[in-house]
Amino acid sequence: MRKLIFILGLASTNLFAQSLEIEAKVDTNLGEIGEQIRFELHVQSNKDIKVTWPLIIDSLGKLEVIEAFPIDTHLKGEWKSYNQAFILTSFDSGYFKIPNLEIGLDKNKAYSNELVVRFNDVKTDPNKVMDIKEPISVAASYMKYIYWTLAVLVILGLVIWLYIKYFKNKSKEKQEEYIPLIPAHEEALDALTALHKDKIWERVNENKTFYTLLTHIIWRYLDRQFNVITFERTSDEIIKDLDRLIFAAHFKKELADLLRHADFIKFAKGSSTPYDNEQHIERSIKFVKATIPSPVKVEDD
């Protein structure tokens, strides 16, 4: 390809041209769609001249840049040369220009020569066009190893699941079975004493909280000590079950009063005096203490 020197803004063009050489070339100017051509840009100048290289990233004109190689520099005497190669292609047919590329030379500019390349449509021989073939089944011997591996993994997963579900949970259940619970009366008295000491009814709008906690303590005590189902039942249903229990009648009446009064506070937004609150919790404590089971005496043989 021919060399071209095109310089602007120089005081002495001929003098500067003697110290500058720019060449743009391609290995071929004819190809088919998708084929690759090699484009090279060469600049040679005096070593004292600062050369600013054109930035080429993904396209050059309407051609696509497939690959851009690093700039190769050589110094020989007073001359310094710059070379960079590019791989170009096009997926359209027609003539395409590789435009003039601007090269900075100190405070001046120079331009490479313009090139034209042509890409033709891909030629096909209609006599060699083949019919679409049916899919070919290939015997993959490795599939049996995949099946065996999957089977082993499934069996292993099943064994681990069975171990966790039955053996590990069984051991947890056995441990939980032997965790000693404090006696029902001790649990109830501790909770009632703490509630009495806290006196939360003295705070604003805390009567409902107080009676909710108090009834839960009594419910749990009746459930553990007398096997009375209390949770998720109405107060009337619980009071009816109290008739079959064996303890003083006045305690049954006081418990019934407590449950009905608590319902009045919790559901009807009723009011309660500090005196009423003190009376209900003190009666609850007396009831628990009065129904503590007597210790079983074991006689010696």
C-alpha atoms as a PDB file:
ATOM      1  CA  MET A   1       0.000   0.000   0.000  1.00  0.00           C
ATOM      2  CA  ARG A   2       1.132   3.545  -0.692  1.00  0.00           C
ATOM      3  CA  LYS A   3       2.477   5.795   2.025  1.00  0.00           C
ATOM      4  CA  LEU A   4       0.849   9.128   2.811  1.00  0.00           C
ATOM      5  CA  ILE A   5       2.070  12.084   4.829  1.00  0.00           C
ATOM      6  CA  PHE A   6      -0.560  14.697   5.588  1.00  0.00           C
ATOM      7  CA  ILE A   7       0.473  17.475   7.998  1.00  0.00           C
ATOM      8  CA  LEU A   8      -1.403  20.549   9.193  1.00  0.00           C
ATOM      9  CA  GLY A   9      -0.206  23.634  10.965  1.00  0.00           C
ATOM     10  CA  LEU A  10       3.512  23.286  10.136  1.00  0.00           C
ATOM     11  CA  ALA A  11       5.632  26.278   9.293  1.00  0.00           C
ATOM     12  CA  SER A  12       7.756  24.282   6.894  1.00  0.00           C
ATOM     13  CA  THR A  13       5.877  21.305   5.491  1.00  0.00           C
ATOM     14  CA  ASN A  14       8.692  19.877   3.433  1.00  0.00           C
ATOM     15  CA  LEU A  15      11.202  20.131   6.244  1.00  0.00           C
ATOM     16  CA  PHE A  16       8.848  18.430   8.719  1.00  0.00           C
ATOM     17  CA  ALA A  17       7.831  15.815   6.189  1.00  0.00           C
ATOM     18  CA  GLN A  18      11.414  14.690   5.915  1.00  0.00           C
ATOM     19  CA  SER A  19      11.277  13.659   9.580  1.00  0.00           C
ATOM     20  CA  LEU A  20       7.822  11.978   9.455  1.00  0.00           C
ATOM     21  CA  GLU A  21       6.372   8.902   7.809  1.00  0.00           C
ATOM     22  CA  ILE A  22       2.769   7.616   8.240  1.00  0.00           C
ATOM     23  CA  GLU A  23       1.423   4.495   6.591  1.00  0.00           C
ATOM     24  CA  ALA A  24      -1.952   2.703   6.919  1.00  0.00           C
ATOM     25  CA  LYS A  25      -2.322  -0.658   5.186  1.00  0.00           C
ATOM     26  CA  VAL A  26      -4.403  -3.860   5.128  1.00  0.00           C
ATOM     27  CA  ASP A  27      -3.297  -7.369   4.221  1.00  0.00           C
ATOM     28  CA  THR A  28      -6.230  -7.591   1.788  1.00  0.00           C
ATOM     29  CA  ASN A  29      -8.960  -5.252   0.647  1.00  0.00           C
ATOM     30  CA  LEU A  30     -11.389  -8.007  -0.351  1.00  0.00           C
ATOM     31  CA  GLY A  31     -13.126 -10.575   1.806  1.00  0.00           C
ATOM     32  CA  GLU A  32     -16.385 -12.336   2.568  1.00  0.00           C
ATOM     33  CA  ILE A  33     -18.810 -11.468   5.338  1.00  0.00           C
ATOM     34  CA  GLY A  34     -17.379 -12.536   8.682  1.00  0.00           C
ATOM     35  CA  GLU A  35     -13.832 -12.990   7.393  1.00  0.00           C
ATOM     36  CA  GLN A  36     -11.056 -11.156   9.215  1.00  0.00           C
ATOM     37  CA  ILE A  37      -8.581  -8.695   7.726  1.00  0.00           C
ATOM     38  CA  ARG A  38      -5.454  -7.280   9.306  1.00  0.00           C
ATOM     39  CA  PHE A  39      -5.086  -3.517   9.454  1.00  0.00           C
ATOM     40  CA  GLU A  40      -1.779  -1.899  10.462  1.00  0.00           C
ATOM     41  CA  LEU A  41      -0.913   1.681  11.318  1.00  0.00           C
ATOM     42  CA  HIS A  42       2.753   2.702  11.106  1.00  0.00           C
ATOM     43  CA  VAL A  43       4.269   6.022  12.173  1.00  0.00           C
ATOM     44  CA  GLN A  44       7.949   6.980  12.040  1.00  0.00           C
ATOM     45  CA  SER A  45       9.180  10.310  13.299  1.00  0.00           C
ATOM     46  CA  ASN A  46      12.098  12.080  14.894  1.00  0.00           C
ATOM     47  CA  LYS A  47      12.658  10.708  18.401  1.00  0.00           C
ATOM     48  CA  ASP A  48      12.251  14.179  19.906  1.00  0.00           C
ATOM     49  CA  ILE A  49       8.719  14.593  18.554  1.00  0.00           C
ATOM     50  CA  LYS A  50       5.939  13.665  21.001  1.00  0.00           C
ATOM     51  CA  VAL A  51       3.508  11.340  19.194  1.00  0.00           C
ATOM     52  CA  THR A  52      -0.130  11.086  20.400  1.00  0.00           C
ATOM     53  CA  TRP A  53      -1.653   7.823  19.175  1.00  0.00           C
ATOM     54  CA  PRO A  54      -5.307   7.557  18.024  1.00  0.00           C
ATOM     55  CA  LEU A  55      -7.607   5.677  20.399  1.00  0.00           C
ATOM     56  CA  ILE A  56      -9.336   2.773  18.634  1.00  0.00           C
ATOM     57  CA  ILE A  57     -11.553   0.564  20.829  1.00  0.00           C
ATOM     58  CA  ASP A  58     -14.357  -1.433  19.224  1.00  0.00           C
ATOM     59  CA  SER A  59     -14.898   0.008  15.772  1.00  0.00           C
ATOM     60  CA  LEU A  60     -13.025   1.634  12.915  1.00  0.00           C
ATOM     61  CA  GLY A  61     -15.469   3.412  10.675  1.00  0.00           C
ATOM     62  CA  LYS A  62     -18.230   0.844  10.101  1.00  0.00           C
ATOM     63  CA  LEU A  63     -15.887  -2.101  10.617  1.00  0.00           C
ATOM     64  CA  GLU A  64     -15.803  -4.026  13.855  1.00  0.00           C
ATOM     65  CA  VAL A  65     -12.533  -4.347  15.768  1.00  0.00           C
ATOM     66  CA  ILE A  66     -12.123  -7.986  16.794  1.00  0.00           C
ATOM     67  CA  GLU A  67      -8.727  -7.513  18.406  1.00  0.00           C
ATOM     68  CA  ALA A  68      -6.327  -4.617  18.967  1.00  0.00           C
ATOM     69  CA  PHE A  69      -2.678  -5.505  19.519  1.00  0.00           C
ATOM     70  CA  PRO A  70      -0.366  -3.430  21.740  1.00  0.00           C
ATOM     71  CA  ILE A  71       1.601  -0.556  20.209  1.00  0.00           C
ATOM     72  CA  ASP A  72       5.076  -1.706  19.252  1.00  0.00           C
ATOM     73  CA  THR A  73       7.850   0.934  19.388  1.00  0.00           C
ATOM     74  CA  HIS A  74      11.417   0.840  18.045  1.00  0.00           C
ATOM     75  CA  LEU A  75      14.229   3.377  18.360  1.00  0.00           C
ATOM     76  CA  LYS A  76      16.934   3.499  15.686  1.00  0.00           C
ATOM     77  CA  GLY A  77      19.309   6.442  15.751  1.00  0.00           C
ATOM     78  CA  GLU A  78      17.329   9.651  15.419  1.00  0.00           C
ATOM     79  CA  TRP A  79      14.200   7.779  14.336  1.00  0.00           C
ATOM     80  CA  LYS A  80      11.453   6.297  16.454  1.00  0.00           C
ATOM     81  CA  SER A  81       8.791   4.075  14.914  1.00  0.00           C
ATOM     82  CA  TYR A  82       5.334   3.133  16.193  1.00  0.00           C
ATOM     83  CA  ASN A  83       3.336   0.165  14.913  1.00  0.00           C
ATOM     84  CA  GLN A  84      -0.079  -1.184  15.913  1.00  0.00           C
ATOM     85  CA  ALA A  85      -2.099  -3.948  14.267  1.00  0.00           C
ATOM     86  CA  PHE A  86      -5.873  -4.581  14.391  1.00  0.00           C
ATOM     87  CA  ILE A  87      -8.097  -7.479  13.326  1.00  0.00           C
ATOM     88  CA  LEU A  88     -11.213  -6.146  11.569  1.00  0.00           C
ATOM     89  CA  THR A  89     -14.352  -7.724  10.138  1.00  0.00           C
ATOM     90  CA  SER A  90     -17.841  -6.902   8.894  1.00  0.00           C
ATOM     91  CA  PHE A  91     -21.092  -8.822   8.963  1.00  0.00           C
ATOM     92  CA  ASP A  92     -22.585  -6.715   6.185  1.00  0.00           C
ATOM     93  CA  SER A  93     -21.630  -6.758   2.523  1.00  0.00           C
ATOM     94  CA  GLY A  94     -20.413  -3.704   0.569  1.00  0.00           C
ATOM     95  CA  TYR A  95     -17.578  -1.188   0.438  1.00  0.00           C
ATOM     96  CA  PHE A  96     -16.264   0.205   3.723  1.00  0.00           C
ATOM     97  CA  LYS A  97     -13.879   3.080   4.356  1.00  0.00           C
ATOM     98  CA  ILE A  98     -11.126   2.994   6.911  1.00  0.00           C
ATOM     99  CA  PRO A  99     -11.021   6.727   7.685  1.00  0.00           C
ATOM    100  CA  ASN A 100      -8.011   9.003   8.087  1.00  0.00           C
ATOM    101  CA  LEU A 101      -6.640   8.564  11.588  1.00  0.00           C
ATOM    102  CA  GLU A 102      -5.396  11.621  13.460  1.00  0.00           C
ATOM    103  CA  ILE A 103      -1.897  11.434  14.953  1.00  0.00           C
ATOM    104  CA  GLY A 104      -0.746  14.171  17.306  1.00  0.00           C
ATOM    105  CA  LEU A 105       2.797  15.471  16.745  1.00  0.00           C
ATOM    106  CA  ASP A 106       3.777  17.857  19.518  1.00  0.00           C
ATOM    107  CA  LYS A 107       1.327  20.748  18.925  1.00  0.00           C
ATOM    108  CA  ASN A 108       0.588  19.706  15.343  1.00  0.00           C
ATOM    109  CA  LYS A 109      -1.556  17.021  13.731  1.00  0.00           C
ATOM    110  CA  ALA A 110      -1.058  14.564  10.893  1.00  0.00           C
ATOM    111  CA  TYR A 111      -3.444  12.083   9.285  1.00  0.00           C
ATOM    112  CA  SER A 112      -3.046   8.609   7.840  1.00  0.00           C
ATOM    113  CA  ASN A 113      -4.211   7.648   4.381  1.00  0.00           C
ATOM    114  CA  GLU A 114      -7.815   6.524   3.835  1.00  0.00           C
ATOM    115  CA  LEU A 115      -8.411   2.904   2.770  1.00  0.00           C
ATOM    116  CA  VAL A 116     -11.367   1.153   1.174  1.00  0.00           C
ATOM    117  CA  VAL A 117     -12.156  -2.562   1.649  1.00  0.00           C
ATOM    118  CA  ARG A 118     -14.956  -4.683   0.276  1.00  0.00           C
ATOM    119  CA  PHE A 119     -16.873  -7.529   1.887  1.00  0.00           C
ATOM    120  CA  ASN A 120     -18.886  -9.849  -0.349  1.00  0.00           C
ATOM    121  CA  ASP A 121     -21.754 -12.144   0.517  1.00  0.00           C
ATOM    122  CA  VAL A 122     -20.739 -15.711   1.279  1.00  0.00           C
ATOM    123  CA  LYS A 123     -20.982 -17.827  -1.830  1.00  0.00           C
ATOM    124  CA  THR A 124     -22.943 -21.024  -1.502  1.00  0.00           C
ATOM    125  CA  ASP A 125     -23.189 -23.959  -3.871  1.00  0.00           C
ATOM    126  CA  PRO A 126     -26.848 -25.013  -4.117  1.00  0.00           C
ATOM    127  CA  ASN A 127     -25.709 -28.485  -5.126  1.00  0.00           C
ATOM    128  CA  LYS A 128     -23.951 -28.890  -1.785  1.00  0.00           C
ATOM    129  CA  VAL A 129     -26.854 -27.768   0.402  1.00  0.00           C
ATOM    130  CA  MET A 130     -27.737 -30.695   2.656  1.00  0.00           C
ATOM    131  CA  ASP A 131     -31.102 -31.563   4.169  1.00  0.00           C
ATOM    132  CA  ILE A 132     -31.550 -31.196   7.918  1.00  0.00           C
ATOM    133  CA  LYS A 133     -30.809 -34.563   9.487  1.00  0.00           C
ATOM    134  CA  GLU A 134     -32.721 -36.131  12.328  1.00  0.00           C
ATOM    135  CA  PRO A 135     -31.083 -36.080  15.762  1.00  0.00           C
ATOM    136  CA  ILE A 136     -28.657 -38.939  16.220  1.00  0.00           C
ATOM    137  CA  SER A 137     -28.938 -40.842  19.481  1.00  0.00           C
ATOM    138  CA  VAL A 138     -25.515 -41.530  20.897  1.00  0.00           C
ATOM    139  CA  ALA A 139     -25.117 -44.248  23.456  1.00  0.00           C
ATOM    140  CA  ALA A 140     -23.559 -42.530  26.440  1.00  0.00           C
ATOM    141  CA  SER A 141     -21.978 -45.184  28.588  1.00  0.00           C
ATOM    142  CA  TYR A 142     -21.223 -42.652  31.285  1.00  0.00           C
ATOM    143  CA  MET A 143     -24.944 -42.198  31.983  1.00  0.00           C
ATOM    144  CA  LYS A 144     -25.081 -45.369  34.025  1.00  0.00           C
ATOM    145  CA  TYR A 145     -22.446 -43.901  36.360  1.00  0.00           C
ATOM    146  CA  ILE A 146     -24.560 -40.783  36.782  1.00  0.00           C
ATOM    147  CA  TYR A 147     -27.603 -42.921  37.639  1.00  0.00           C
ATOM    148  CA  TRP A 148     -25.607 -44.911  40.189  1.00  0.00           C
ATOM    149  CA  THR A 149     -24.206 -41.734  41.737  1.00  0.00           C
ATOM    150  CA  LEU A 150     -27.681 -40.215  42.041  1.00  0.00           C
ATOM    151  CA  ALA A 151     -29.022 -43.418  43.576  1.00  0.00           C
ATOM    152  CA  VAL A 152     -26.242 -43.480  46.174  1.00  0.00           C
ATOM    153  CA  LEU A 153     -26.851 -39.813  47.038  1.00  0.00           C
ATOM    154  CA  VAL A 154     -30.595 -40.410  47.437  1.00  0.00           C
ATOM    155  CA  ILE A 155     -30.021 -43.410  49.703  1.00  0.00           C
ATOM    156  CA  LEU A 156     -27.451 -41.510  51.751  1.00  0.00           C
ATOM    157  CA  GLY A 157     -29.833 -38.560  52.120  1.00  0.00           C
ATOM    158  CA  LEU A 158     -32.621 -40.928  53.243  1.00  0.00           C
ATOM    159  CA  VAL A 159     -30.384 -42.521  55.868  1.00  0.00           C
ATOM    160  CA  ILE A 160     -29.380 -39.112  57.245  1.00  0.00           C
ATOM    161  CA  TRP A 161     -33.047 -38.002  57.337  1.00  0.00           C
ATOM    162  CA  LEU A 162     -34.112 -41.167  59.181  1.00  0.00           C
ATOM    163  CA  TYR A 163     -31.307 -40.738  61.687  1.00  0.00           C
ATOM    164  CA  ILE A 164     -32.263 -37.122  62.414  1.00  0.00           C
ATOM    165  CA  LYS A 165     -36.010 -37.849  62.541  1.00  0.00           C
ATOM    166  CA  TYR A 166     -35.980 -40.958  64.721  1.00  0.00           C
ATOM    167  CA  PHE A 167     -32.732 -41.492  66.577  1.00  0.00           C
ATOM    168  CA  LYS A 168     -31.628 -37.935  67.244  1.00  0.00           C
ATOM    169  CA  ASN A 169     -35.140 -36.732  68.138  1.00  0.00           C
ATOM    170  CA  LYS A 170     -35.661 -39.810  70.338  1.00  0.00           C
ATOM    171  CA  SER A 171     -32.532 -38.994  72.291  1.00  0.00           C
ATOM    172  CA  LYS A 172     -33.765 -35.395  72.711  1.00  0.00           C
ATOM    173  CA  GLU A 173     -37.136 -36.630  73.930  1.00  0.00           C
ATOM    174  CA  LYS A 174     -35.471 -38.900  76.473  1.00  0.00           C
ATOM    175  CA  GLN A 175     -33.383 -36.027  77.746  1.00  0.00           C
ATOM    176  CA  GLU A 176     -36.459 -33.816  78.013  1.00  0.00           C
ATOM    177  CA  GLU A 177     -38.370 -36.539  79.877  1.00  0.00           C
ATOM    178  CA  TYR A 178     -35.835 -36.519  82.684  1.00  0.00           C
ATOM    179  CA  ILE A 179     -35.700 -32.746  83.127  1.00  0.00           C
ATOM    180  CA  PRO A 180     -37.203 -32.305  86.608  1.00  0.00           C
ATOM    181  CA  LEU A 181     -39.971 -29.701  86.909  1.00  0.00           C
ATOM    182  CA  ILE A 182     -40.352 -27.715  90.086  1.00  0.00           C
ATOM    183  CA  PRO A 183     -43.563 -28.610  91.940  1.00  0.00           C
ATOM    184  CA  ALA A 184     -46.697 -26.844  90.749  1.00  0.00           C
ATOM    185  CA  HIS A 185     -47.239 -25.023  94.053  1.00  0.00           C
ATOM    186  CA  GLU A 186     -43.658 -23.695  94.126  1.00  0.00           C
ATOM    187  CA  GLU A 187     -43.953 -22.436  90.555  1.00  0.00           C
ATOM    188  CA  ALA A 188     -47.277 -20.743  91.313  1.00  0.00           C
ATOM    189  CA  LEU A 189     -46.125 -19.159  94.589  1.00  0.00           C
ATOM    190  CA  ASP A 190     -42.933 -17.790  92.986  1.00  0.00           C
ATOM    191  CA  ALA A 191     -44.943 -16.229  90.145  1.00  0.00           C
ATOM    192  CA  LEU A 192     -47.631 -14.821  92.475  1.00  0.00           C
ATOM    193  CA  THR A 193     -45.047 -13.357  94.871  1.00  0.00           C
ATOM    194  CA  ALA A 194     -43.223 -11.644  92.016  1.00  0.00           C
ATOM    195  CA  LEU A 195     -46.487 -10.282  90.605  1.00  0.00           C
ATOM    196  CA  HIS A 196     -47.575  -9.038  94.037  1.00  0.00           C
ATOM    197  CA  LYS A 197     -44.212  -7.354  94.625  1.00  0.00           C
ATOM    198  CA  ASP A 198     -44.286  -5.664  91.206  1.00  0.00           C
ATOM    199  CA  LYS A 199     -47.694  -4.030  91.802  1.00  0.00           C
ATOM    200  CA  ILE A 200     -48.136  -3.253  88.125  1.00  0.00           C
ATOM    201  CA  TRP A 201     -51.735  -2.163  88.717  1.00  0.00           C
ATOM    202  CA  GLU A 202     -50.342   1.051  90.201  1.00  0.00           C
ATOM    203  CA  ARG A 203     -49.171   2.075  86.730  1.00  0.00           C
ATOM    204  CA  VAL A 204     -51.561   3.783  84.314  1.00  0.00           C
ATOM    205  CA  ASN A 205     -53.837   1.432  82.357  1.00  0.00           C
ATOM    206  CA  GLU A 206     -52.106  -1.729  83.597  1.00  0.00           C
ATOM    207  CA  ASN A 207     -55.094  -3.435  85.305  1.00  0.00           C
ATOM    208  CA  LYS A 208     -55.715  -5.535  82.214  1.00  0.00           C
ATOM    209  CA  THR A 209     -52.086  -6.716  82.158  1.00  0.00           C
ATOM    210  CA  PHE A 210     -52.213  -7.541  85.857  1.00  0.00           C
ATOM    211  CA  TYR A 211     -55.338  -9.705  85.578  1.00  0.00           C
ATOM    212  CA  THR A 212     -54.062 -11.408  82.431  1.00  0.00           C
ATOM    213  CA  LEU A 213     -50.908 -12.495  84.280  1.00  0.00           C
ATOM    214  CA  LEU A 214     -52.795 -13.447  87.438  1.00  0.00           C
ATOM    215  CA  THR A 215     -55.317 -15.663  85.637  1.00  0.00           C
ATOM    216  CA  HIS A 216     -52.555 -17.375  83.644  1.00  0.00           C
ATOM    217  CA  ILE A 217     -50.770 -18.277  86.886  1.00  0.00           C
ATOM    218  CA  ILE A 218     -53.956 -19.728  88.341  1.00  0.00           C
ATOM    219  CA  TRP A 219     -54.809 -21.569  85.104  1.00  0.00           C
ATOM    220  CA  ARG A 220     -51.392 -23.237  85.043  1.00  0.00           C
ATOM    221  CA  TYR A 221     -51.618 -24.204  88.712  1.00  0.00           C
ATOM    222  CA  LEU A 222     -55.055 -25.796  88.260  1.00  0.00           C
ATOM    223  CA  ASP A 223     -53.792 -27.603  85.161  1.00  0.00           C
ATOM    224  CA  ARG A 224     -50.668 -29.022  86.812  1.00  0.00           C
ATOM    225  CA  GLN A 225     -52.011 -29.639  90.304  1.00  0.00           C
ATOM    226  CA  PHE A 226     -55.566 -30.817  89.588  1.00  0.00           C
ATOM    227  CA  ASN A 227     -55.481 -31.794  85.881  1.00  0.00           C
ATOM    228  CA  VAL A 228     -58.120 -29.192  85.072  1.00  0.00           C
ATOM    229  CA  ILE A 229     -58.054 -28.149  81.415  1.00  0.00           C
ATOM    230  CA  THR A 230     -57.939 -24.367  81.615  1.00  0.00           C
ATOM    231  CA  PHE A 231     -56.263 -22.905  78.554  1.00  0.00           C
ATOM    232  CA  GLU A 232     -58.497 -22.098  75.583  1.00  0.00           C
ATOM    233  CA  ARG A 233     -61.602 -22.515  77.744  1.00  0.00           C
ATOM    234  CA  THR A 234     -64.105 -19.991  79.116  1.00  0.00           C
ATOM    235  CA  SER A 235     -64.171 -18.979  82.758  1.00  0.00           C
ATOM    236  CA  ASP A 236     -67.632 -20.562  83.198  1.00  0.00           C
ATOM    237  CA  GLU A 237     -66.310 -23.908  81.936  1.00  0.00           C
ATOM    238  CA  ILE A 238     -63.394 -23.755  84.375  1.00  0.00           C
ATOM    239  CA  ILE A 239     -65.665 -22.761  87.286  1.00  0.00           C
ATOM    240  CA  LYS A 240     -67.939 -25.712  86.536  1.00  0.00           C
ATOM    241  CA  ASP A 241     -64.937 -28.073  86.805  1.00  0.00           C
ATOM    242  CA  LEU A 242     -64.035 -26.629  90.216  1.00  0.00           C
ATOM    243  CA  ASP A 243     -67.120 -28.300  91.750  1.00  0.00           C
ATOM    244  CA  ARG A 244     -65.557 -31.771  91.376  1.00  0.00           C
ATOM    245  CA  LEU A 245     -62.333 -30.774  93.138  1.00  0.00           C
ATOM    246  CA  ILE A 246     -61.783 -31.533  96.782  1.00  0.00           C
ATOM    247  CA  PHE A 247     -60.813 -28.381  98.651  1.00  0.00           C
ATOM    248  CA  ALA A 248     -62.615 -25.787 100.797  1.00  0.00           C
ATOM    249  CA  ALA A 249     -65.763 -24.309  99.269  1.00  0.00           C
ATOM    250  CA  HIS A 250     -64.760 -20.722 100.068  1.00  0.00           C
ATOM    251  CA  PHE A 251     -61.667 -21.139  97.840  1.00  0.00           C
ATOM    252  CA  LYS A 252     -63.916 -22.257  94.984  1.00  0.00           C
ATOM    253  CA  LYS A 253     -66.064 -19.154  95.456  1.00  0.00           C
ATOM    254  CA  GLU A 254     -63.020 -16.860  95.600  1.00  0.00           C
ATOM    255  CA  LEU A 255     -61.555 -18.438  92.430  1.00  0.00           C
ATOM    256  CA  ALA A 256     -64.879 -17.989  90.638  1.00  0.00           C
ATOM    257  CA  ASP A 257     -65.007 -14.329  91.737  1.00  0.00           C
ATOM    258  CA  LEU A 258     -61.431 -13.817  90.514  1.00  0.00           C
ATOM    259  CA  LEU A 259     -62.087 -15.354  87.056  1.00  0.00           C
ATOM    260  CA  ARG A 260     -65.290 -13.371  86.510  1.00  0.00           C
ATOM    261  CA  HIS A 261     -63.702 -10.138  87.738  1.00  0.00           C
ATOM    262  CA  ALA A 262     -60.714 -10.695  85.414  1.00  0.00           C
ATOM    263  CA  ASP A 263     -63.078 -11.204  82.456  1.00  0.00           C
ATOM    264  CA  PHE A 264     -64.795  -7.960  83.358  1.00  0.00           C
ATOM    265  CA  ILE A 265     -61.467  -6.105  83.328  1.00  0.00           C
ATOM    266  CA  LYS A 266     -60.014  -7.791  80.211  1.00  0.00           C
ATOM    267  CA  PHE A 267     -63.043  -7.917  77.928  1.00  0.00           C
ATOM    268  CA  ALA A 268     -65.510  -5.303  79.194  1.00  0.00           C
ATOM    269  CA  LYS A 269     -62.835  -2.667  79.921  1.00  0.00           C
ATOM    270  CA  GLY A 270     -64.026  -2.500  83.503  1.00  0.00           C
ATOM    271  CA  SER A 271     -62.205  -0.802  86.366  1.00  0.00           C
ATOM    272  CA  SER A 272     -60.681  -2.219  89.513  1.00  0.00           C
ATOM    273  CA  THR A 273     -59.489  -0.600  92.724  1.00  0.00           C
ATOM    274  CA  PRO A 274     -56.057  -1.259  94.258  1.00  0.00           C
ATOM    275  CA  TYR A 275     -57.876  -2.854  97.186  1.00  0.00           C
ATOM    276  CA  ASP A 276     -59.612  -5.356  94.891  1.00  0.00           C
ATOM    277  CA  ASN A 277     -56.300  -6.177  93.248  1.00  0.00           C
ATOM    278  CA  GLU A 278     -54.578  -6.768  96.595  1.00  0.00           C
ATOM    279  CA  GLN A 279     -57.458  -8.975  97.764  1.00  0.00           C
ATOM    280  CA  HIS A 280     -57.447 -11.167  94.644  1.00  0.00           C
ATOM    281  CA  ILE A 281     -53.723 -11.810  94.642  1.00  0.00           C
ATOM    282  CA  GLU A 282     -53.566 -12.442  98.401  1.00  0.00           C
ATOM    283  CA  ARG A 283     -56.496 -14.910  98.161  1.00  0.00           C
ATOM    284  CA  SER A 284     -54.717 -16.646  95.274  1.00  0.00           C
ATOM    285  CA  ILE A 285     -51.597 -17.075  97.393  1.00  0.00           C
ATOM    286  CA  LYS A 286     -53.663 -18.461 100.299  1.00  0.00           C
ATOM    287  CA  PHE A 287     -55.420 -20.874  97.915  1.00  0.00           C
ATOM    288  CA  VAL A 288     -52.140 -22.273  96.585  1.00  0.00           C
ATOM    289  CA  LYS A 289     -50.666 -22.660 100.085  1.00  0.00           C
ATOM    290  CA  ALA A 290     -53.828 -24.402 101.308  1.00  0.00           C
ATOM    291  CA  THR A 291     -53.754 -26.946  98.464  1.00  0.00           C
ATOM    292  CA  ILE A 292     -50.089 -27.950  98.716  1.00  0.00           C
ATOM    293  CA  PRO A 293     -50.099 -31.732  98.620  1.00  0.00           C
ATOM    294  CA  SER A 294     -49.014 -33.451 101.811  1.00  0.00           C
ATOM    295  CA  PRO A 295     -45.708 -35.334 101.601  1.00  0.00           C
ATOM    296  CA  VAL A 296     -46.084 -39.071 101.175  1.00  0.00           C
ATOM    297  CA  LYS A 297     -44.833 -41.049 104.162  1.00  0.00           C
ATOM    298  CA  VAL A 298     -42.971 -44.252 103.368  1.00  0.00           C
ATOM    299  CA  GLU A 299     -43.130 -46.787 106.171  1.00  0.00           C
ATOM    300  CA  ASP A 300     -40.213 -49.067 106.828  1.00  0.00           C
ATOM    301  CA  ASP A 301     -40.819 -52.799 106.375  1.00  0.00           C
END
